[in-house]
Amino acid sequence: MPQHIRPRPICGHCDGFPTVTITTGTRTPNGQRQTIAAHCPACRGTGHTSTARAHTRIGA
């Protein structure tokens, strides 16, 4: 029997597009553009926000 998993909420900072490629303006020796990858700092490149965790108090 399949297990149903609730969909995780999409990150509000990147709208689900967590990684982008940015050109640096230079070219490599073979003529291709030099690029770097940038990840969303809020979701750390996952595209989803973490689920809310219940805070429990330890001790009395």
PDB file of N, CA and C in Angstrom:
ATOM      1  N   MET A   1       0.840  -1.161   0.000  1.00  0.00           N
ATOM      2  CA  MET A   1       0.000   0.000   0.000  1.00  0.00           C
ATOM      3  C   MET A   1       0.896   1.240   0.000  1.00  0.00           C
ATOM      4  N   PRO A   2       0.631   2.203  -0.873  1.00  0.00           N
ATOM      5  CA  PRO A   2       1.497   3.382  -0.929  1.00  0.00           C
ATOM      6  C   PRO A   2       1.305   4.287   0.288  1.00  0.00           C
ATOM      7  N   GLN A   3       2.387   4.908   0.673  1.00  0.00           N
ATOM      8  CA  GLN A   3       2.316   5.857   1.777  1.00  0.00           C
ATOM      9  C   GLN A   3       2.122   7.248   1.189  1.00  0.00           C
ATOM     10  N   HIS A   4       1.205   7.973   1.766  1.00  0.00           N
ATOM     11  CA  HIS A   4       0.924   9.323   1.295  1.00  0.00           C
ATOM     12  C   HIS A   4       1.735  10.314   2.114  1.00  0.00           C
ATOM     13  N   ILE A   5       2.492  11.131   1.428  1.00  0.00           N
ATOM     14  CA  ILE A   5       3.332  12.136   2.067  1.00  0.00           C
ATOM     15  C   ILE A   5       2.781  13.507   1.706  1.00  0.00           C
ATOM     16  N   ARG A   6       2.593  14.336   2.701  1.00  0.00           N
ATOM     17  CA  ARG A   6       2.095  15.685   2.452  1.00  0.00           C
ATOM     18  C   ARG A   6       3.163  16.497   1.720  1.00  0.00           C
ATOM     19  N   PRO A   7       2.770  17.294   0.728  1.00  0.00           N
ATOM     20  CA  PRO A   7       3.755  18.115   0.031  1.00  0.00           C
ATOM     21  C   PRO A   7       4.325  19.184   0.956  1.00  0.00           C
ATOM     22  N   ARG A   8       5.624  19.386   0.848  1.00  0.00           N
ATOM     23  CA  ARG A   8       6.271  20.396   1.674  1.00  0.00           C
ATOM     24  C   ARG A   8       6.024  21.768   1.076  1.00  0.00           C
ATOM     25  N   PRO A   9       5.880  22.799   1.895  1.00  0.00           N
ATOM     26  CA  PRO A   9       5.644  24.147   1.376  1.00  0.00           C
ATOM     27  C   PRO A   9       6.839  24.663   0.579  1.00  0.00           C
ATOM     28  N   ILE A  10       6.544  25.384  -0.479  1.00  0.00           N
ATOM     29  CA  ILE A  10       7.590  25.963  -1.326  1.00  0.00           C
ATOM     30  C   ILE A  10       8.193  27.171  -0.622  1.00  0.00           C
ATOM     31  N   CYS A  11       9.492  27.330  -0.765  1.00  0.00           N
ATOM     32  CA  CYS A  11      10.218  28.442  -0.143  1.00  0.00           C
ATOM     33  C   CYS A  11       9.679  29.774  -0.668  1.00  0.00           C
ATOM     34  N   GLY A  12       9.383  30.685   0.220  1.00  0.00           N
ATOM     35  CA  GLY A  12       8.866  31.992  -0.158  1.00  0.00           C
ATOM     36  C   GLY A  12       9.928  32.938  -0.669  1.00  0.00           C
ATOM     37  N   HIS A  13      11.187  32.629  -0.418  1.00  0.00           N
ATOM     38  CA  HIS A  13      12.263  33.505  -0.854  1.00  0.00           C
ATOM     39  C   HIS A  13      12.634  33.269  -2.312  1.00  0.00           C
ATOM     40  N   CYS A  14      12.614  32.001  -2.736  1.00  0.00           N
ATOM     41  CA  CYS A  14      13.038  31.690  -4.107  1.00  0.00           C
ATOM     42  C   CYS A  14      11.894  31.141  -4.961  1.00  0.00           C
ATOM     43  N   ASP A  15      10.710  30.986  -4.395  1.00  0.00           N
ATOM     44  CA  ASP A  15       9.527  30.470  -5.100  1.00  0.00           C
ATOM     45  C   ASP A  15       9.772  29.120  -5.745  1.00  0.00           C
ATOM     46  N   GLY A  16      10.579  28.288  -5.136  1.00  0.00           N
ATOM     47  CA  GLY A  16      10.807  26.945  -5.639  1.00  0.00           C
ATOM     48  C   GLY A  16      11.912  26.824  -6.676  1.00  0.00           C
ATOM     49  N   PHE A  17      12.619  27.921  -6.953  1.00  0.00           N
ATOM     50  CA  PHE A  17      13.761  27.891  -7.869  1.00  0.00           C
ATOM     51  C   PHE A  17      15.017  28.158  -7.044  1.00  0.00           C
ATOM     52  N   PRO A  18      15.535  27.135  -6.337  1.00  0.00           N
ATOM     53  CA  PRO A  18      16.573  27.339  -5.336  1.00  0.00           C
ATOM     54  C   PRO A  18      17.980  27.570  -5.872  1.00  0.00           C
ATOM     55  N   THR A  19      18.258  27.141  -7.106  1.00  0.00           N
ATOM     56  CA  THR A  19      19.600  27.274  -7.648  1.00  0.00           C
ATOM     57  C   THR A  19      19.539  27.983  -8.985  1.00  0.00           C
ATOM     58  N   VAL A  20      20.359  28.984  -9.147  1.00  0.00           N
ATOM     59  CA  VAL A  20      20.439  29.705 -10.414  1.00  0.00           C
ATOM     60  C   VAL A  20      21.888  29.704 -10.878  1.00  0.00           C
ATOM     61  N   THR A  21      22.069  29.833 -12.172  1.00  0.00           N
ATOM     62  CA  THR A  21      23.406  29.912 -12.746  1.00  0.00           C
ATOM     63  C   THR A  21      23.620  31.329 -13.254  1.00  0.00           C
ATOM     64  N   ILE A  22      24.722  31.919 -12.850  1.00  0.00           N
ATOM     65  CA  ILE A  22      25.031  33.300 -13.187  1.00  0.00           C
ATOM     66  C   ILE A  22      26.301  33.330 -14.027  1.00  0.00           C
ATOM     67  N   THR A  23      26.252  34.079 -15.134  1.00  0.00           N
ATOM     68  CA  THR A  23      27.461  34.209 -15.939  1.00  0.00           C
ATOM     69  C   THR A  23      28.353  35.277 -15.332  1.00  0.00           C
ATOM     70  N   THR A  24      29.655  35.049 -15.388  1.00  0.00           N
ATOM     71  CA  THR A  24      30.600  35.990 -14.810  1.00  0.00           C
ATOM     72  C   THR A  24      31.065  37.032 -15.815  1.00  0.00           C
ATOM     73  N   GLY A  25      30.740  36.825 -17.096  1.00  0.00           N
ATOM     74  CA  GLY A  25      31.155  37.779 -18.120  1.00  0.00           C
ATOM     75  C   GLY A  25      32.442  37.391 -18.820  1.00  0.00           C
ATOM     76  N   THR A  26      33.122  36.385 -18.312  1.00  0.00           N
ATOM     77  CA  THR A  26      34.357  35.935 -18.962  1.00  0.00           C
ATOM     78  C   THR A  26      34.078  34.649 -19.725  1.00  0.00           C
ATOM     79  N   ARG A  27      35.034  34.254 -20.536  1.00  0.00           N
ATOM     80  CA  ARG A  27      34.893  33.023 -21.310  1.00  0.00           C
ATOM     81  C   ARG A  27      36.033  32.071 -20.970  1.00  0.00           C
ATOM     82  N   THR A  28      35.749  30.785 -21.089  1.00  0.00           N
ATOM     83  CA  THR A  28      36.757  29.763 -20.862  1.00  0.00           C
ATOM     84  C   THR A  28      37.652  29.680 -22.101  1.00  0.00           C
ATOM     85  N   PRO A  29      38.784  28.996 -22.027  1.00  0.00           N
ATOM     86  CA  PRO A  29      39.671  28.891 -23.190  1.00  0.00           C
ATOM     87  C   PRO A  29      39.013  28.260 -24.429  1.00  0.00           C
ATOM     88  N   ASN A  30      37.986  27.430 -24.231  1.00  0.00           N
ATOM     89  CA  ASN A  30      37.335  26.836 -25.393  1.00  0.00           C
ATOM     90  C   ASN A  30      36.147  27.660 -25.893  1.00  0.00           C
ATOM     91  N   GLY A  31      35.909  28.840 -25.330  1.00  0.00           N
ATOM     92  CA  GLY A  31      34.897  29.766 -25.823  1.00  0.00           C
ATOM     93  C   GLY A  31      33.571  29.761 -25.093  1.00  0.00           C
ATOM     94  N   GLN A  32      33.391  28.894 -24.136  1.00  0.00           N
ATOM     95  CA  GLN A  32      32.130  28.865 -23.396  1.00  0.00           C
ATOM     96  C   GLN A  32      32.137  29.927 -22.305  1.00  0.00           C
ATOM     97  N   ARG A  33      30.949  30.344 -21.893  1.00  0.00           N
ATOM     98  CA  ARG A  33      30.849  31.357 -20.842  1.00  0.00           C
ATOM     99  C   ARG A  33      31.159  30.743 -19.480  1.00  0.00           C
ATOM    100  N   GLN A  34      31.887  31.479 -18.663  1.00  0.00           N
ATOM    101  CA  GLN A  34      32.204  31.049 -17.300  1.00  0.00           C
ATOM    102  C   GLN A  34      30.977  31.312 -16.429  1.00  0.00           C
ATOM    103  N   THR A  35      30.495  30.302 -15.701  1.00  0.00           N
ATOM    104  CA  THR A  35      29.306  30.458 -14.867  1.00  0.00           C
ATOM    105  C   THR A  35      29.596  29.997 -13.442  1.00  0.00           C
ATOM    106  N   ILE A  36      28.775  30.500 -12.519  1.00  0.00           N
ATOM    107  CA  ILE A  36      28.814  30.055 -11.131  1.00  0.00           C
ATOM    108  C   ILE A  36      27.382  29.734 -10.706  1.00  0.00           C
ATOM    109  N   ALA A  37      27.214  28.833  -9.754  1.00  0.00           N
ATOM    110  CA  ALA A  37      25.897  28.482  -9.234  1.00  0.00           C
ATOM    111  C   ALA A  37      25.669  29.219  -7.923  1.00  0.00           C
ATOM    112  N   ALA A  38      24.464  29.746  -7.753  1.00  0.00           N
ATOM    113  CA  ALA A  38      24.089  30.432  -6.516  1.00  0.00           C
ATOM    114  C   ALA A  38      22.869  29.728  -5.933  1.00  0.00           C
ATOM    115  N   HIS A  39      22.927  29.408  -4.647  1.00  0.00           N
ATOM    116  CA  HIS A  39      21.837  28.702  -3.978  1.00  0.00           C
ATOM    117  C   HIS A  39      21.096  29.656  -3.053  1.00  0.00           C
ATOM    118  N   CYS A  40      19.799  29.426  -2.881  1.00  0.00           N
ATOM    119  CA  CYS A  40      18.974  30.242  -1.988  1.00  0.00           C
ATOM    120  C   CYS A  40      19.460  30.046  -0.548  1.00  0.00           C
ATOM    121  N   PRO A  41      19.775  31.128   0.161  1.00  0.00           N
ATOM    122  CA  PRO A  41      20.261  30.981   1.535  1.00  0.00           C
ATOM    123  C   PRO A  41      19.158  30.596   2.526  1.00  0.00           C
ATOM    124  N   ALA A  42      17.906  30.874   2.187  1.00  0.00           N
ATOM    125  CA  ALA A  42      16.822  30.570   3.126  1.00  0.00           C
ATOM    126  C   ALA A  42      16.525  29.075   3.189  1.00  0.00           C
ATOM    127  N   CYS A  43      16.478  28.417   2.021  1.00  0.00           N
ATOM    128  CA  CYS A  43      16.149  26.983   2.003  1.00  0.00           C
ATOM    129  C   CYS A  43      17.370  26.113   1.755  1.00  0.00           C
ATOM    130  N   ARG A  44      18.529  26.727   1.589  1.00  0.00           N
ATOM    131  CA  ARG A  44      19.803  26.032   1.357  1.00  0.00           C
ATOM    132  C   ARG A  44      19.775  25.161   0.105  1.00  0.00           C
ATOM    133  N   GLY A  45      19.081  25.655  -0.929  1.00  0.00           N
ATOM    134  CA  GLY A  45      19.086  24.974  -2.212  1.00  0.00           C
ATOM    135  C   GLY A  45      18.110  23.832  -2.360  1.00  0.00           C
ATOM    136  N   THR A  46      17.151  23.693  -1.457  1.00  0.00           N
ATOM    137  CA  THR A  46      16.184  22.606  -1.571  1.00  0.00           C
ATOM    138  C   THR A  46      14.907  23.044  -2.283  1.00  0.00           C
ATOM    139  N   GLY A  47      14.548  24.315  -2.204  1.00  0.00           N
ATOM    140  CA  GLY A  47      13.321  24.802  -2.819  1.00  0.00           C
ATOM    141  C   GLY A  47      12.101  24.694  -1.933  1.00  0.00           C
ATOM    142  N   HIS A  48      12.272  24.086  -0.758  1.00  0.00           N
ATOM    143  CA  HIS A  48      11.155  23.898   0.163  1.00  0.00           C
ATOM    144  C   HIS A  48      11.531  24.405   1.545  1.00  0.00           C
ATOM    145  N   THR A  49      10.530  24.830   2.276  1.00  0.00           N
ATOM    146  CA  THR A  49      10.767  25.222   3.660  1.00  0.00           C
ATOM    147  C   THR A  49      10.644  23.988   4.530  1.00  0.00           C
ATOM    148  N   SER A  50      11.307  23.992   5.640  1.00  0.00           N
ATOM    149  CA  SER A  50      11.225  22.837   6.543  1.00  0.00           C
ATOM    150  C   SER A  50       9.883  22.877   7.256  1.00  0.00           C
ATOM    151  N   THR A  51       9.418  21.728   7.633  1.00  0.00           N
ATOM    152  CA  THR A  51       8.155  21.659   8.341  1.00  0.00           C
ATOM    153  C   THR A  51       8.329  22.197   9.754  1.00  0.00           C
ATOM    154  N   ALA A  52       7.270  22.748  10.281  1.00  0.00           N
ATOM    155  CA  ALA A  52       7.318  23.300  11.633  1.00  0.00           C
ATOM    156  C   ALA A  52       7.485  22.171  12.634  1.00  0.00           C
ATOM    157  N   ARG A  53       8.381  22.350  13.540  1.00  0.00           N
ATOM    158  CA  ARG A  53       8.616  21.337  14.560  1.00  0.00           C
ATOM    159  C   ARG A  53       7.969  21.770  15.864  1.00  0.00           C
ATOM    160  N   ALA A  54       7.427  20.811  16.553  1.00  0.00           N
ATOM    161  CA  ALA A  54       6.810  21.103  17.843  1.00  0.00           C
ATOM    162  C   ALA A  54       7.923  21.275  18.875  1.00  0.00           C
ATOM    163  N   HIS A  55       7.853  22.342  19.616  1.00  0.00           N
ATOM    164  CA  HIS A  55       8.844  22.585  20.655  1.00  0.00           C
ATOM    165  C   HIS A  55       8.381  21.881  21.917  1.00  0.00           C
ATOM    166  N   THR A  56       9.205  21.042  22.430  1.00  0.00           N
ATOM    167  CA  THR A  56       8.887  20.353  23.665  1.00  0.00           C
ATOM    168  C   THR A  56       9.832  20.819  24.746  1.00  0.00           C
ATOM    169  N   ARG A  57       9.309  20.894  25.912  1.00  0.00           N
ATOM    170  CA  ARG A  57      10.108  21.339  27.049  1.00  0.00           C
ATOM    171  C   ARG A  57      10.703  20.120  27.741  1.00  0.00           C
ATOM    172  N   ILE A  58      11.977  20.153  27.942  1.00  0.00           N
ATOM    173  CA  ILE A  58      12.658  19.055  28.618  1.00  0.00           C
ATOM    174  C   ILE A  58      12.760  19.387  30.096  1.00  0.00           C
ATOM    175  N   GLY A  59      12.355  18.480  30.918  1.00  0.00           N
ATOM    176  CA  GLY A  59      12.391  18.713  32.355  1.00  0.00           C
ATOM    177  C   GLY A  59      11.025  19.151  32.862  1.00  0.00           C
ATOM    178  N   ALA A  60      10.996  19.539  34.127  1.00  0.00           N
ATOM    179  CA  ALA A  60       9.713  19.900  34.727  1.00  0.00           C
ATOM    180  C   ALA A  60       9.401  21.333  34.628  1.00  0.00           C
TER     181      ALA A  60
END
